[in-house]
Amino acid sequence: MPQAETAKKDELLESLSKGLALLRLLGAGAERLTMQEVADQLDVTRAAARRLLLTLEHNGYVAQDGRHFALTPRVMELGYAYFASMSLPQMARPYLQQLCETQGESCSLGVLDAESVVLVAREEPRQLLRVDMALGRRMPAYAHSLGRVLLAGLEDTALEAYLAGATLRKLTPFTVSSRTTLARTLRQVRADGYCVLVSELVDGYAGISVPLRDQAGKVVAGLGFSMVLGSRDRAYLEARFLAPLREAAARIEAILQAR
């Protein structure tokens, strides 16, 4: 081992390294371990394993049940402290990447800005035919599935103000441009907890989105897929994409609500 690395290793706290290794061990599927099992897995003496476990128990990260030890919910604070320092796009990116990879469609995170939905994070699949939308792109909220879940999440007074002043244009033959119809549609989106939109922004393109809520229950962003519709219909989009979107949204919200 090079001299510099040896000197660096000499400055490390072996007990802290073992304690972190124990946390990783308990968090990697071994939900409950005895003191002897900890000693065997970490290659330490039983006395050292005992000190590690009692130290973590004293600090609230491990609980004892008879001969067994297990992690407590407090260990989540260690991860959430990291996520709390991140912006929403940074925090959500791994989930967008996973959705894009598993479902093969473009996945975006959008926020509401006045009458527009703005893309703040996006992942694109590797395919020839895709929806080309750059970060920062602004689109009319009323004609995009992300925009509609955000509008549906507004408080009643804010939504009424939007409906009274928004410019609603017929972008395709299918665009909802009536204020009365849009208000009814948004009430349904609010009740359903998601939005499917077909051929309203661009004919032949579709989207499905769900809201993201913060600790106070306020809708702060939308998470959704956008795609070329092809031969698929609304029922297919709901059956194929709604469950994975909701699962990812729940994971992101768990982090948001713990900040």
Protein backbone atom coordinates (compact mmCIF):
# COMPACT_ATOMS: atom_id res chain seq x y z
CA MET A 1 0.00 0.00 0.00
CA PRO A 2 1.45 3.47 -0.90
CA GLN A 3 2.72 5.51 2.06
CA ALA A 4 0.13 8.28 1.51
CA GLU A 5 -2.73 5.77 1.62
CA THR A 6 -1.29 4.15 4.75
CA ALA A 7 -1.09 7.52 6.48
CA LYS A 8 -4.63 8.34 5.44
CA LYS A 9 -5.92 5.00 6.71
CA ASP A 10 -4.20 5.59 10.05
CA GLU A 11 -6.38 8.68 10.52
CA LEU A 12 -9.63 6.77 10.08
CA LEU A 13 -11.85 5.76 12.98
CA GLU A 14 -12.17 2.00 12.70
CA SER A 15 -15.09 1.93 15.13
CA LEU A 16 -17.04 4.43 13.03
CA SER A 17 -16.36 2.41 9.89
CA LYS A 18 -17.63 -0.72 11.63
CA GLY A 19 -20.73 1.13 12.85
CA LEU A 20 -21.53 2.29 9.33
CA ALA A 21 -20.92 -1.21 8.03
CA LEU A 22 -23.42 -2.48 10.62
CA LEU A 23 -26.05 0.01 9.42
CA ARG A 24 -25.48 -1.11 5.82
CA LEU A 25 -25.71 -4.74 6.90
CA LEU A 26 -29.05 -4.25 8.65
CA GLY A 27 -30.35 -2.15 5.76
CA ALA A 28 -29.36 -4.62 3.04
CA GLY A 29 -32.01 -7.22 3.76
CA ALA A 30 -30.84 -8.66 7.09
CA GLU A 31 -33.72 -7.09 8.99
CA ARG A 32 -32.96 -8.76 12.36
CA LEU A 33 -29.62 -10.04 13.59
CA THR A 34 -28.30 -11.48 16.83
CA MET A 35 -25.14 -10.18 18.42
CA GLN A 36 -23.23 -13.26 17.29
CA GLU A 37 -24.47 -12.88 13.71
CA VAL A 38 -23.25 -9.27 13.71
CA ALA A 39 -19.85 -10.39 14.98
CA ASP A 40 -19.61 -13.06 12.27
CA GLN A 41 -20.78 -10.79 9.44
CA LEU A 42 -18.46 -7.91 10.37
CA ASP A 43 -15.56 -10.16 11.37
CA VAL A 44 -15.27 -8.63 14.83
CA THR A 45 -15.32 -10.07 18.32
CA ARG A 46 -18.59 -10.58 20.15
CA ALA A 47 -17.53 -7.85 22.60
CA ALA A 48 -16.97 -5.39 19.73
CA ALA A 49 -20.32 -6.32 18.18
CA ARG A 50 -21.97 -5.69 21.53
CA ARG A 51 -20.42 -2.22 21.81
CA LEU A 52 -21.49 -1.33 18.25
CA LEU A 53 -25.06 -2.45 18.82
CA LEU A 54 -25.40 -0.75 22.20
CA THR A 55 -23.98 2.49 20.79
CA LEU A 56 -26.46 2.50 17.92
CA GLU A 57 -29.27 1.58 20.32
CA HIS A 58 -28.29 4.43 22.65
CA ASN A 59 -28.49 6.87 19.71
CA GLY A 60 -31.87 5.55 18.58
CA TYR A 61 -30.83 3.85 15.34
CA VAL A 62 -31.22 0.25 16.51
CA ALA A 63 -33.79 -1.44 18.74
CA GLN A 64 -33.43 -4.72 20.62
CA ASP A 65 -36.11 -7.40 20.73
CA GLY A 66 -34.93 -10.31 22.82
CA ARG A 67 -31.74 -11.63 21.22
CA HIS A 68 -32.30 -9.75 17.98
CA PHE A 69 -31.45 -6.22 16.87
CA ALA A 70 -33.13 -4.25 14.07
CA LEU A 71 -33.03 -0.77 12.56
CA THR A 72 -35.47 1.89 13.75
CA PRO A 73 -37.20 4.51 11.57
CA ARG A 74 -34.68 7.07 12.83
CA VAL A 75 -32.11 5.85 10.29
CA MET A 76 -34.29 7.51 7.63
CA GLU A 77 -33.11 10.87 8.97
CA LEU A 78 -29.63 10.12 7.65
CA GLY A 79 -30.90 9.84 4.09
CA TYR A 80 -33.48 12.60 4.34
CA ALA A 81 -30.85 15.07 5.53
CA TYR A 82 -29.13 14.58 2.18
CA PHE A 83 -32.35 14.87 0.19
CA ALA A 84 -33.37 17.99 2.12
CA SER A 85 -30.36 19.81 0.68
CA MET A 86 -31.36 18.96 -2.87
CA SER A 87 -33.67 20.81 -5.20
CA LEU A 88 -36.82 19.05 -6.36
CA PRO A 89 -35.49 18.37 -9.90
CA GLN A 90 -32.29 16.85 -8.47
CA MET A 91 -34.21 14.78 -5.98
CA ALA A 92 -36.72 13.51 -8.55
CA ARG A 93 -34.22 12.73 -11.32
CA PRO A 94 -33.48 9.10 -10.30
CA TYR A 95 -37.20 8.38 -10.31
CA LEU A 96 -37.67 10.00 -13.72
CA GLN A 97 -34.77 7.95 -15.06
CA GLN A 98 -36.26 4.74 -13.72
CA LEU A 99 -39.69 5.51 -15.16
CA CYS A 100 -38.18 6.36 -18.53
CA GLU A 101 -36.10 3.18 -18.62
CA THR A 102 -38.84 0.81 -17.48
CA GLN A 103 -41.70 2.29 -19.51
CA GLY A 104 -39.83 3.46 -22.60
CA GLU A 105 -41.50 6.88 -22.73
CA SER A 106 -40.44 10.47 -22.03
CA CYS A 107 -40.94 11.42 -18.39
CA SER A 108 -41.08 15.00 -17.10
CA LEU A 109 -41.39 17.06 -13.96
CA GLY A 110 -43.29 20.34 -14.36
CA VAL A 111 -44.23 23.32 -12.23
CA LEU A 112 -46.87 26.00 -12.69
CA ASP A 113 -45.81 29.54 -13.57
CA ALA A 114 -48.74 31.91 -14.17
CA GLU A 115 -50.65 30.36 -17.10
CA SER A 116 -47.84 28.02 -18.16
CA VAL A 117 -46.42 24.69 -17.10
CA VAL A 118 -42.61 24.76 -17.16
CA LEU A 119 -40.48 21.64 -17.53
CA VAL A 120 -37.83 21.54 -14.78
CA ALA A 121 -36.61 17.97 -15.26
CA ARG A 122 -36.95 15.51 -18.11
CA GLU A 123 -35.69 12.10 -19.22
CA GLU A 124 -35.92 10.87 -22.80
CA PRO A 125 -35.82 7.25 -24.03
CA ARG A 126 -33.47 6.17 -26.78
CA GLN A 127 -35.88 5.89 -29.66
CA LEU A 128 -36.27 7.48 -33.06
CA LEU A 129 -39.73 8.90 -32.56
CA ARG A 130 -40.10 10.92 -29.38
CA VAL A 131 -41.56 14.13 -28.00
CA ASP A 132 -38.80 16.73 -28.22
CA MET A 133 -39.17 19.14 -25.28
CA ALA A 134 -36.23 20.95 -23.71
CA LEU A 135 -35.87 21.89 -20.05
CA GLY A 136 -37.39 25.27 -19.36
CA ARG A 137 -39.94 24.94 -22.13
CA ARG A 138 -43.21 26.65 -21.34
CA MET A 139 -46.53 25.24 -22.49
CA PRO A 140 -50.11 26.33 -21.90
CA ALA A 141 -51.16 24.66 -18.65
CA TYR A 142 -54.75 24.06 -19.74
CA ALA A 143 -53.65 21.94 -22.73
CA HIS A 144 -51.05 19.72 -21.05
CA SER A 145 -51.58 16.85 -18.60
CA LEU A 146 -48.90 18.24 -16.26
CA GLY A 147 -50.56 21.63 -16.37
CA ARG A 148 -53.97 20.22 -15.58
CA VAL A 149 -52.87 18.34 -12.45
CA LEU A 150 -51.21 21.56 -11.30
CA LEU A 151 -54.28 23.67 -12.04
CA ALA A 152 -56.52 21.12 -10.34
CA GLY A 153 -54.31 21.43 -7.27
CA LEU A 154 -54.85 25.17 -6.91
CA GLU A 155 -57.04 26.52 -4.14
CA ASP A 156 -60.53 27.44 -5.33
CA THR A 157 -59.91 31.19 -5.36
CA ALA A 158 -56.68 30.82 -7.33
CA LEU A 159 -58.35 28.48 -9.80
CA GLU A 160 -61.27 30.84 -10.28
CA ALA A 161 -58.84 33.67 -10.97
CA TYR A 162 -57.02 31.54 -13.52
CA LEU A 163 -60.22 30.55 -15.29
CA ALA A 164 -61.38 34.15 -15.39
CA GLY A 165 -58.22 35.53 -16.94
CA ALA A 166 -56.51 32.72 -18.86
CA THR A 167 -56.19 32.82 -22.62
CA LEU A 168 -57.70 29.59 -23.93
CA ARG A 169 -57.02 28.90 -27.60
CA LYS A 170 -58.06 26.00 -29.79
CA LEU A 171 -54.65 24.44 -30.48
CA THR A 172 -56.08 21.32 -32.15
CA PRO A 173 -59.62 20.22 -32.99
CA PHE A 174 -59.66 18.43 -29.64
CA THR A 175 -58.42 21.19 -27.33
CA VAL A 176 -60.74 22.12 -24.48
CA SER A 177 -61.03 25.90 -24.85
CA SER A 178 -64.36 26.55 -23.11
CA ARG A 179 -63.95 27.92 -19.58
CA THR A 180 -67.00 26.02 -18.38
CA THR A 181 -65.78 22.74 -19.85
CA LEU A 182 -62.25 23.29 -18.53
CA ALA A 183 -63.57 24.02 -15.04
CA ARG A 184 -65.58 20.78 -15.11
CA THR A 185 -62.57 18.86 -16.46
CA LEU A 186 -60.29 20.21 -13.71
CA ARG A 187 -62.80 19.25 -11.03
CA GLN A 188 -62.70 15.71 -12.39
CA VAL A 189 -58.88 15.71 -12.44
CA ARG A 190 -58.90 16.84 -8.80
CA ALA A 191 -61.28 14.03 -7.87
CA ASP A 192 -59.37 11.38 -9.84
CA GLY A 193 -55.92 12.45 -8.72
CA TYR A 194 -54.48 12.22 -12.24
CA CYS A 195 -54.97 13.51 -15.78
CA VAL A 196 -54.94 11.82 -19.16
CA LEU A 197 -54.85 14.21 -22.10
CA VAL A 198 -55.03 13.19 -25.76
CA SER A 199 -54.34 15.36 -28.83
CA GLU A 200 -55.09 18.69 -27.14
CA LEU A 201 -51.66 20.31 -27.29
CA VAL A 202 -50.48 18.58 -30.46
CA ASP A 203 -52.69 16.27 -32.51
CA GLY A 204 -51.49 12.68 -32.21
CA TYR A 205 -49.64 13.18 -28.93
CA ALA A 206 -50.79 12.22 -25.45
CA GLY A 207 -49.83 12.59 -21.81
CA ILE A 208 -50.69 11.21 -18.41
CA SER A 209 -49.66 12.95 -15.18
CA VAL A 210 -50.07 12.87 -11.41
CA PRO A 211 -49.51 15.63 -8.82
CA LEU A 212 -46.71 15.83 -6.26
CA ARG A 213 -47.60 17.24 -2.83
CA ASP A 214 -45.39 18.74 -0.16
CA GLN A 215 -45.58 18.32 3.62
CA ALA A 216 -48.57 20.64 3.83
CA GLY A 217 -50.45 18.73 1.13
CA LYS A 218 -49.98 21.49 -1.44
CA VAL A 219 -49.44 20.47 -5.06
CA VAL A 220 -45.96 21.72 -5.92
CA ALA A 221 -45.22 19.87 -9.16
CA GLY A 222 -46.53 17.37 -11.64
CA LEU A 223 -44.95 14.10 -12.77
CA GLY A 224 -45.94 12.60 -16.08
CA PHE A 225 -45.30 10.77 -19.34
CA SER A 226 -45.70 12.31 -22.78
CA MET A 227 -45.72 10.24 -25.94
CA VAL A 228 -46.82 9.67 -29.51
CA LEU A 229 -50.30 8.18 -29.16
CA GLY A 230 -50.26 5.78 -32.12
CA SER A 231 -52.91 3.09 -31.82
CA ARG A 232 -53.19 3.46 -28.04
CA ASP A 233 -56.22 4.97 -26.34
CA ARG A 234 -57.01 6.59 -23.00
CA ALA A 235 -57.83 3.26 -21.32
CA TYR A 236 -54.46 1.83 -22.38
CA LEU A 237 -52.58 4.83 -21.00
CA GLU A 238 -54.33 4.50 -17.66
CA ALA A 239 -53.75 0.75 -17.44
CA ARG A 240 -50.08 0.92 -18.50
CA PHE A 241 -48.72 4.10 -16.94
CA LEU A 242 -50.85 5.23 -13.99
CA ALA A 243 -49.62 2.69 -11.42
CA PRO A 244 -45.87 3.28 -11.98
CA LEU A 245 -46.43 7.05 -11.96
CA ARG A 246 -48.28 6.88 -8.66
CA GLU A 247 -45.63 4.62 -7.14
CA ALA A 248 -42.83 7.01 -8.12
CA ALA A 249 -44.85 10.01 -6.95
CA ALA A 250 -45.41 8.38 -3.56
CA ARG A 251 -41.66 7.86 -3.13
CA ILE A 252 -40.85 11.44 -4.07
CA GLU A 253 -43.60 12.75 -1.80
CA ALA A 254 -42.26 10.70 1.11
CA ILE A 255 -38.99 12.60 0.79
CA LEU A 256 -40.70 15.96 0.26
CA GLN A 257 -42.92 15.49 3.27
CA ALA A 258 -40.01 14.59 5.53
CA ARG A 259 -38.00 17.72 4.73
